[in-house]
Structures are given as C-alpha cells and as structure tokens.
C-alpha cells in the first residue's frame, strides 16, 4: 500500500484554488488546495532593557507588566548584564535553563515564561554580554533563545570564542548593541564566518531611553553600513536600553517585526529571516519588498530588481 507520495509541478502555480488529480491502481484521486500569500502582521517591540537584576531599576515583574499594559508592546525582551548574575564565571553547557547554577538566570527565565502569552504578548528573556575596556572592549551583545548564559568574567570568553560558542546553537539570536567608539565596534566587525553570520541577526541603529534625537538617544546608522560592507547579514533594530523603568514608552523608538502571528517562535523566525526594521516612530508601518520578496530575503542573482515600498502612518509623511 502507498502511504506517502509527492507531486512536483513544472510551472509556478498561480494564486487561487487548484485541484490535483492522481490515478493510483486505476482509481482517480482528487485533492483541492489553495495557493495563497502568507499574511504578515506588524509587531512593535523592544529588544534591550534592564532591571534591578543588573544595573537597572525596577523588578522583572514590573518590567514585563509595564511593557505589556502601559507601553502596549507586542513583544518585549529583558537583557540584563550577565556579569551581574551569580555563578557568572561558570561555562555551563546545559539544555534547559532550570539546570543552571545561577538563581538569577533561572528566575529571569521563569518569570519571563509566565508572562509569555501567544496571541497576546510575547515575553522574551536574554542576557547582555558586556566587555569593558579592561576585558577586551569588543562591544556589547544581546543573546536570546539559549538555555545558558555567558559572562565577560570568564577570562576564556573573548569575542571570537563567544562567536564560536553561540554558533553551536543554530536557533540562537544575537544583537550587536550600540556600536561605536564608546562601547566598541566588535573588533571592527571582524571574525565573521558563515556559521557565526547565521546567528548574528540584528544591529542597533538607534539606542537610548531619551527623547528621539535628544541628548539621551544615540543613532549609529553608519555602523550598520560598515557591518554590511564586511559581509554580515543583519537587520536594523532600535531599542531603548532602559535603566530607569518606563520600559517601552520612554520614547517612540521601536524594533518592528513582520510575522504571521504574535507568538515567541514567530517573532524569533522574523528576526532570523531579517523581516525586521528600525523605527523612530512607534506605529509607522513599512512594507518593503524586492521582486515580491519580503525584506531580509536573499535573492539569487536576479536579472532586475523591482522595488515595492508601502508606508502607512497616522501622521503626515514628509519624505
């Protein structure tokens, strides 16, 4: 008996309803199916914030509640400094955060999971790797979706070693934070390999909890260009890096993800596929495609590039 079969078409199917007819042992079998485009929604969030688990103010519960109920974010991530966690010198190789020897790390993840509600609010927890000038000065990196954390207090964990460690988890997500002269430029965006490139997904082009374009807000657009020129495949993000509460609405900066549904894995997939853009407006919608493909797509040697850009906002757009 045939339990599985496959059908390959020689032409691209048009959008709409189709019928597949297959004769098996003299019996005609028919299947009706529809070819449609996946609907993408705009989800507005933040991927860089702190609490009193490191050098911020306010509790973890306060942060998730405020981001959800006051700022009305679709997704929100905490990223406390890993060198503030207990047992931060350990180099754990664990498969579940509950196996960690750090009470802070376990608490952060457990509380995060309690606020994560598919279809309603996506709660994310990660950690910020923060090399200071005395420990390399390479820069600061947020890492999400790993069972373990790493810290600069582990002397063996330099930037290159950290890239190699994180590359062993293909589902991990990394964000290069506030690149520049103050915190570092990741050794001028060195040590790129295809394996590392696959798990380095975002770079902040805006950072800070002050008013956008004010003294407490720090754009870094030019470093995004440098990273791209170095061969990195990354999407731009804009985060508040909150240390003084008001998580999500301390200003109008947003990281925006295009995803089919409001779930943690859907947001993660959007970040991995680079269906992400940075905004200094808290509700501007940008649908940007080339040759009908969403932002973040890799095009294989196209003969021409057909750009489609649709911008929607509740305020007049100047240019």
Protein backbone atom coordinates (compact mmCIF):
# COMPACT_ATOMS: atom_id res chain seq x y z
CA UNK A 1 0.00 0.00 0.00
CA UNK A 2 1.17 3.53 -0.76
CA UNK A 3 1.26 5.62 2.41
CA UNK A 4 3.09 8.68 1.06
CA UNK A 5 3.63 10.31 -2.31
CA UNK A 6 4.66 13.68 -3.70
CA UNK A 7 3.79 15.75 -6.75
CA UNK A 8 6.17 18.18 -8.39
CA UNK A 9 4.88 20.85 -10.78
CA UNK A 10 6.93 22.00 -13.75
CA UNK A 11 5.47 25.51 -13.68
CA UNK A 12 4.78 28.03 -10.91
CA UNK A 13 1.19 27.79 -9.73
CA UNK A 14 -0.89 30.95 -9.76
CA UNK A 15 -2.63 32.24 -6.66
CA UNK A 16 -6.03 30.70 -6.04
CA UNK A 17 -7.70 27.29 -5.90
CA UNK A 18 -6.26 24.24 -7.65
CA UNK A 19 -7.12 20.56 -7.95
CA UNK A 20 -4.58 17.74 -8.06
CA UNK A 21 -5.67 14.52 -9.78
CA UNK A 22 -3.69 11.31 -9.34
CA UNK A 23 -4.53 7.81 -10.61
CA UNK A 24 -3.43 5.05 -8.24
CA UNK A 25 -4.17 1.43 -9.14
CA UNK A 26 -6.74 2.59 -11.65
CA UNK A 27 -8.58 4.79 -9.16
CA UNK A 28 -8.81 8.55 -9.64
CA UNK A 29 -7.96 10.53 -6.51
CA UNK A 30 -8.51 14.29 -6.27
CA UNK A 31 -7.30 16.90 -3.79
CA UNK A 32 -8.37 20.52 -3.68
CA UNK A 33 -5.87 23.07 -2.37
CA UNK A 34 -5.28 26.81 -2.41
CA UNK A 35 -2.10 28.75 -3.19
CA UNK A 36 -2.01 31.99 -1.22
CA UNK A 37 0.44 34.51 0.15
CA UNK A 38 1.21 34.31 3.85
CA UNK A 39 -0.20 37.31 5.69
CA UNK A 40 2.38 39.32 7.60
CA UNK A 41 1.45 41.50 10.56
CA UNK A 42 3.39 44.39 12.03
CA UNK A 43 4.53 43.77 15.60
CA UNK A 44 6.15 46.60 17.56
CA UNK A 45 8.55 45.89 20.40
CA UNK A 46 11.82 46.34 22.25
CA UNK A 47 14.82 44.01 22.50
CA UNK A 48 17.12 45.71 25.01
CA UNK A 49 16.17 46.58 28.61
CA UNK A 50 17.38 46.18 32.19
CA UNK A 51 16.04 45.69 35.71
CA UNK A 52 17.47 45.50 39.21
CA UNK A 53 18.79 42.06 38.28
CA UNK A 54 21.77 44.05 36.97
CA UNK A 55 22.26 47.83 36.81
CA UNK A 56 18.68 48.92 36.11
CA UNK A 57 15.83 49.93 38.39
CA UNK A 58 12.57 48.10 38.97
CA UNK A 59 11.80 44.42 39.18
CA UNK A 60 11.43 41.86 36.42
CA UNK A 61 7.68 41.65 37.07
CA UNK A 62 7.35 45.42 36.86
CA UNK A 63 9.18 45.46 33.54
CA UNK A 64 7.00 42.88 31.78
CA UNK A 65 3.79 44.36 33.23
CA UNK A 66 4.72 47.89 32.18
CA UNK A 67 5.76 46.87 28.66
CA UNK A 68 2.53 44.91 28.23
CA UNK A 69 -0.02 47.12 29.98
CA UNK A 70 1.36 50.66 29.73
CA UNK A 71 3.57 50.70 26.64
CA UNK A 72 1.25 48.24 24.84
CA UNK A 73 4.19 46.49 23.17
CA UNK A 74 3.60 43.36 21.11
CA UNK A 75 6.93 41.87 22.20
CA UNK A 76 9.45 42.83 24.85
CA UNK A 77 12.82 41.44 25.91
CA UNK A 78 14.88 41.87 29.04
CA UNK A 79 18.65 41.65 28.63
CA UNK A 80 20.29 42.16 32.00
CA UNK A 81 24.08 42.16 32.19
CA UNK A 82 25.34 38.60 32.59
CA UNK A 83 28.31 39.68 34.71
CA UNK A 84 25.75 40.67 37.40
CA UNK A 85 24.41 37.13 37.72
CA UNK A 86 25.51 34.75 40.45
CA UNK A 87 27.89 31.96 39.33
CA UNK A 88 28.74 34.10 36.32
CA UNK A 89 32.22 32.59 35.96
CA UNK A 90 30.78 29.21 35.07
CA UNK A 91 30.87 27.94 31.50
CA UNK A 92 27.69 25.92 31.54
CA UNK A 93 26.73 23.51 28.80
CA UNK A 94 23.09 22.87 29.68
CA UNK A 95 19.99 22.16 27.64
CA UNK A 96 17.41 23.82 29.90
CA UNK A 97 17.67 26.98 31.99
CA UNK A 98 16.37 25.07 35.02
CA UNK A 99 19.68 23.19 35.04
CA UNK A 100 21.63 26.41 35.59
CA UNK A 101 23.59 27.00 38.78
CA UNK A 102 22.56 30.69 38.71
CA UNK A 103 19.47 31.59 40.70
CA UNK A 104 19.11 34.91 38.86
CA UNK A 105 19.23 33.30 35.43
CA UNK A 106 16.62 30.72 36.40
CA UNK A 107 14.36 33.38 37.92
CA UNK A 108 14.62 35.66 34.88
CA UNK A 109 13.59 32.90 32.51
CA UNK A 110 10.86 31.52 34.74
CA UNK A 111 9.22 34.92 35.25
CA UNK A 112 9.53 35.63 31.52
CA UNK A 113 7.73 32.41 30.63
CA UNK A 114 4.89 33.29 33.00
CA UNK A 115 4.19 36.50 31.02
CA UNK A 116 4.51 34.99 27.55
CA UNK A 117 1.01 34.52 26.10
CA UNK A 118 0.64 33.50 22.45
CA UNK A 119 -1.59 35.90 20.55
CA UNK A 120 -1.47 38.49 23.30
CA UNK A 121 2.05 39.41 24.48
CA UNK A 122 5.42 37.94 23.60
CA UNK A 123 7.82 37.96 26.55
CA UNK A 124 11.50 37.26 25.86
CA UNK A 125 14.49 36.96 28.15
CA UNK A 126 18.15 37.04 27.24
CA UNK A 127 21.40 38.48 28.52
CA UNK A 128 23.80 41.22 27.54
CA UNK A 129 27.45 40.30 27.17
CA UNK A 130 29.31 43.50 28.08
CA UNK A 131 33.05 43.52 27.52
CA UNK A 132 34.53 46.54 29.23
CA UNK A 133 37.79 48.22 28.29
CA UNK A 134 39.67 46.00 30.74
CA UNK A 135 38.16 42.83 29.24
CA UNK A 136 38.77 43.42 25.56
CA UNK A 137 36.41 46.32 24.89
CA UNK A 138 34.92 44.49 21.89
CA UNK A 139 31.37 45.73 22.50
CA UNK A 140 28.04 44.67 23.96
CA UNK A 141 25.92 41.83 22.55
CA UNK A 142 22.41 40.68 23.45
CA UNK A 143 21.75 36.96 23.14
CA UNK A 144 18.34 35.29 23.17
CA UNK A 145 16.99 31.75 22.99
CA UNK A 146 19.85 29.94 24.72
CA UNK A 147 19.47 27.76 27.85
CA UNK A 148 22.77 29.04 29.25
CA UNK A 149 24.38 32.44 29.67
CA UNK A 150 28.00 33.53 29.35
CA UNK A 151 29.87 36.34 31.07
CA UNK A 152 32.91 38.52 30.50
CA UNK A 153 34.22 37.37 33.89
CA UNK A 154 35.13 34.09 32.23
CA UNK A 155 38.61 35.05 31.00
CA UNK A 156 38.49 32.48 28.21
CA UNK A 157 35.35 34.04 26.72
CA UNK A 158 36.74 36.61 24.31
CA UNK A 159 34.72 37.79 21.31
CA UNK A 160 35.95 35.12 18.92
CA UNK A 161 35.39 32.32 21.46
CA UNK A 162 31.91 33.63 22.16
CA UNK A 163 31.03 33.67 18.46
CA UNK A 164 32.20 30.07 18.20
CA UNK A 165 30.16 29.02 21.25
CA UNK A 166 26.96 30.67 20.09
CA UNK A 167 27.32 29.29 16.56
CA UNK A 168 26.80 25.82 18.02
CA UNK A 169 23.15 26.75 18.68
CA UNK A 170 21.57 27.44 15.26
CA UNK A 171 18.32 28.71 16.85
CA UNK A 172 20.12 31.33 18.95
CA UNK A 173 19.59 35.02 18.24
CA UNK A 174 22.16 37.76 18.71
CA UNK A 175 22.00 41.52 18.52
CA UNK A 176 25.02 43.81 18.25
CA UNK A 177 24.30 46.67 20.64
CA UNK A 178 25.00 50.41 20.26
CA UNK A 179 28.12 50.07 18.05
CA UNK A 180 30.57 52.95 18.21
CA UNK A 181 33.59 54.43 19.89
CA UNK A 182 32.10 54.39 23.40
CA UNK A 183 31.24 50.70 23.77
CA UNK A 184 33.15 49.13 20.87
CA UNK A 185 32.68 48.03 17.27
CA UNK A 186 33.23 44.27 17.67
CA UNK A 187 36.84 44.43 16.55
CA UNK A 188 35.75 46.42 13.50
CA UNK A 189 33.15 43.71 12.80
CA UNK A 190 35.80 41.00 12.48
CA UNK A 191 35.66 37.21 12.94
CA UNK A 192 32.76 36.70 10.54
CA UNK A 193 32.14 33.15 9.32
CA UNK A 194 29.03 31.75 7.65
CA UNK A 195 28.18 29.85 10.83
CA UNK A 196 28.51 32.96 13.00
CA UNK A 197 26.73 35.14 10.47
CA UNK A 198 23.73 32.81 10.68
CA UNK A 199 23.20 33.54 14.39
CA UNK A 200 24.10 37.26 14.42
CA UNK A 201 20.79 38.73 13.30
CA UNK A 202 20.43 42.34 14.43
CA UNK A 203 22.35 45.56 14.95
CA UNK A 204 21.12 48.62 16.80
CA UNK A 205 20.99 51.72 14.61
CA UNK A 206 19.37 53.63 17.47
CA UNK A 207 19.74 53.22 21.23
CA UNK A 208 18.76 55.12 24.34
CA UNK A 209 15.80 55.90 26.58
CA UNK A 210 15.95 59.66 25.98
CA UNK A 211 13.75 61.55 23.55
CA UNK A 212 14.45 60.53 19.95
CA UNK A 213 17.12 62.86 18.51
CA UNK A 214 17.69 64.23 22.00
CA UNK A 215 20.80 64.02 24.20
CA UNK A 216 19.85 60.63 25.66
CA UNK A 217 19.39 58.96 22.28
CA UNK A 218 22.29 57.65 20.20
CA UNK A 219 21.90 56.85 16.48
CA UNK A 220 24.58 54.71 14.82
CA UNK A 221 23.40 54.35 11.23
CA UNK A 222 26.88 54.42 9.74
CA UNK A 223 27.97 51.32 11.66
CA UNK A 224 25.16 49.35 10.07
CA UNK A 225 26.63 50.19 6.67
CA UNK A 226 30.12 49.17 7.82
CA UNK A 227 28.82 45.82 9.09
CA UNK A 228 27.06 45.14 5.78
CA UNK A 229 30.21 46.04 3.85
CA UNK A 230 32.07 43.50 5.99
CA UNK A 231 29.69 40.79 4.76
CA UNK A 232 27.37 40.45 7.77
CA UNK A 233 23.70 39.71 7.03
CA UNK A 234 21.83 41.63 9.74
CA UNK A 235 18.69 43.69 10.19
CA UNK A 236 18.45 47.09 11.91
CA UNK A 237 16.90 47.43 15.38
CA UNK A 238 16.07 50.42 17.58
CA UNK A 239 15.89 49.90 21.34
CA UNK A 240 15.64 51.99 24.48
CA UNK A 241 18.19 50.17 26.65
CA UNK A 242 16.03 51.10 29.66
CA UNK A 243 17.74 51.55 33.01
CA UNK A 244 15.18 53.92 34.59
CA UNK A 245 11.93 51.99 34.16
CA UNK A 246 9.30 53.17 31.62
CA UNK A 247 10.06 50.08 29.55
CA UNK A 248 8.72 50.61 26.05
CA UNK A 249 7.35 54.14 26.26
CA UNK A 250 10.32 56.17 27.46
CA UNK A 251 10.43 57.32 23.81
CA UNK A 252 8.91 56.44 20.43
CA UNK A 253 11.74 54.19 19.18
CA UNK A 254 10.69 50.70 18.13
CA UNK A 255 12.00 47.49 16.63
CA UNK A 256 9.35 46.19 14.23
CA UNK A 257 8.98 42.56 13.18
CA UNK A 258 6.92 41.24 10.27
CA UNK A 259 5.40 37.94 11.36
CA UNK A 260 2.24 35.90 10.64
CA UNK A 261 1.26 35.62 14.31
CA UNK A 262 2.06 37.05 17.72
CA UNK A 263 3.99 34.17 19.24
CA UNK A 264 7.53 33.92 20.54
CA UNK A 265 8.63 31.48 17.83
CA UNK A 266 7.02 33.60 15.11
CA UNK A 267 8.89 36.69 16.33
CA UNK A 268 12.10 34.63 16.51
CA UNK A 269 11.56 33.43 12.93
CA UNK A 270 11.05 37.02 11.77
CA UNK A 271 14.35 38.03 13.37
CA UNK A 272 16.22 35.04 11.90
CA UNK A 273 14.79 35.85 8.45
CA UNK A 274 15.56 39.56 8.97
CA UNK A 275 11.96 40.62 8.43
CA UNK A 276 12.74 43.46 10.84
CA UNK A 277 13.16 47.21 10.60
CA UNK A 278 14.09 50.03 12.97
CA UNK A 279 11.74 52.95 13.57
CA UNK A 280 11.81 56.22 15.46
CA UNK A 281 8.02 56.34 15.23
CA UNK A 282 6.04 53.98 17.44
CA UNK A 283 3.44 52.91 14.86
CA UNK A 284 4.78 53.51 11.35
CA UNK A 285 4.21 50.52 9.07
CA UNK A 286 6.68 49.85 6.24
CA UNK A 287 6.08 47.03 3.78
CA UNK A 288 9.25 46.81 1.71
CA UNK A 289 9.74 44.17 -0.98
CA UNK A 290 12.09 43.50 -3.87
CA UNK A 291 10.89 41.18 -6.65
CA UNK A 292 7.90 40.37 -4.48
CA UNK A 293 10.05 39.07 -1.60
CA UNK A 294 9.94 40.44 1.93
CA UNK A 295 12.75 42.47 3.45
CA UNK A 296 15.56 40.24 4.65
CA UNK A 297 15.28 37.79 1.75
CA UNK A 298 18.41 36.71 -0.12
CA UNK A 299 17.90 36.99 -3.89
CA UNK A 300 19.88 34.61 -6.10
CA UNK A 301 21.42 36.68 -8.92
CA UNK A 302 18.24 38.35 -10.23
CA UNK A 303 18.31 39.97 -13.68
CA UNK A 304 16.45 43.01 -12.37
CA UNK A 305 15.24 44.49 -9.09
CA UNK A 306 11.61 45.62 -8.77
CA UNK A 307 11.12 47.64 -5.62
CA UNK A 308 7.80 47.93 -3.81
CA UNK A 309 7.51 50.21 -0.78
CA UNK A 310 4.30 50.98 1.09
CA UNK A 311 4.43 53.26 4.14
CA UNK A 312 1.44 53.78 6.44
CA UNK A 313 1.28 56.15 9.39
CA UNK A 314 -1.29 58.18 11.31
CA UNK A 315 0.72 61.36 10.76
CA UNK A 316 1.63 63.28 7.59
CA UNK A 317 4.74 61.82 5.91
CA UNK A 318 7.13 64.50 4.71
CA UNK A 319 9.64 62.48 2.72
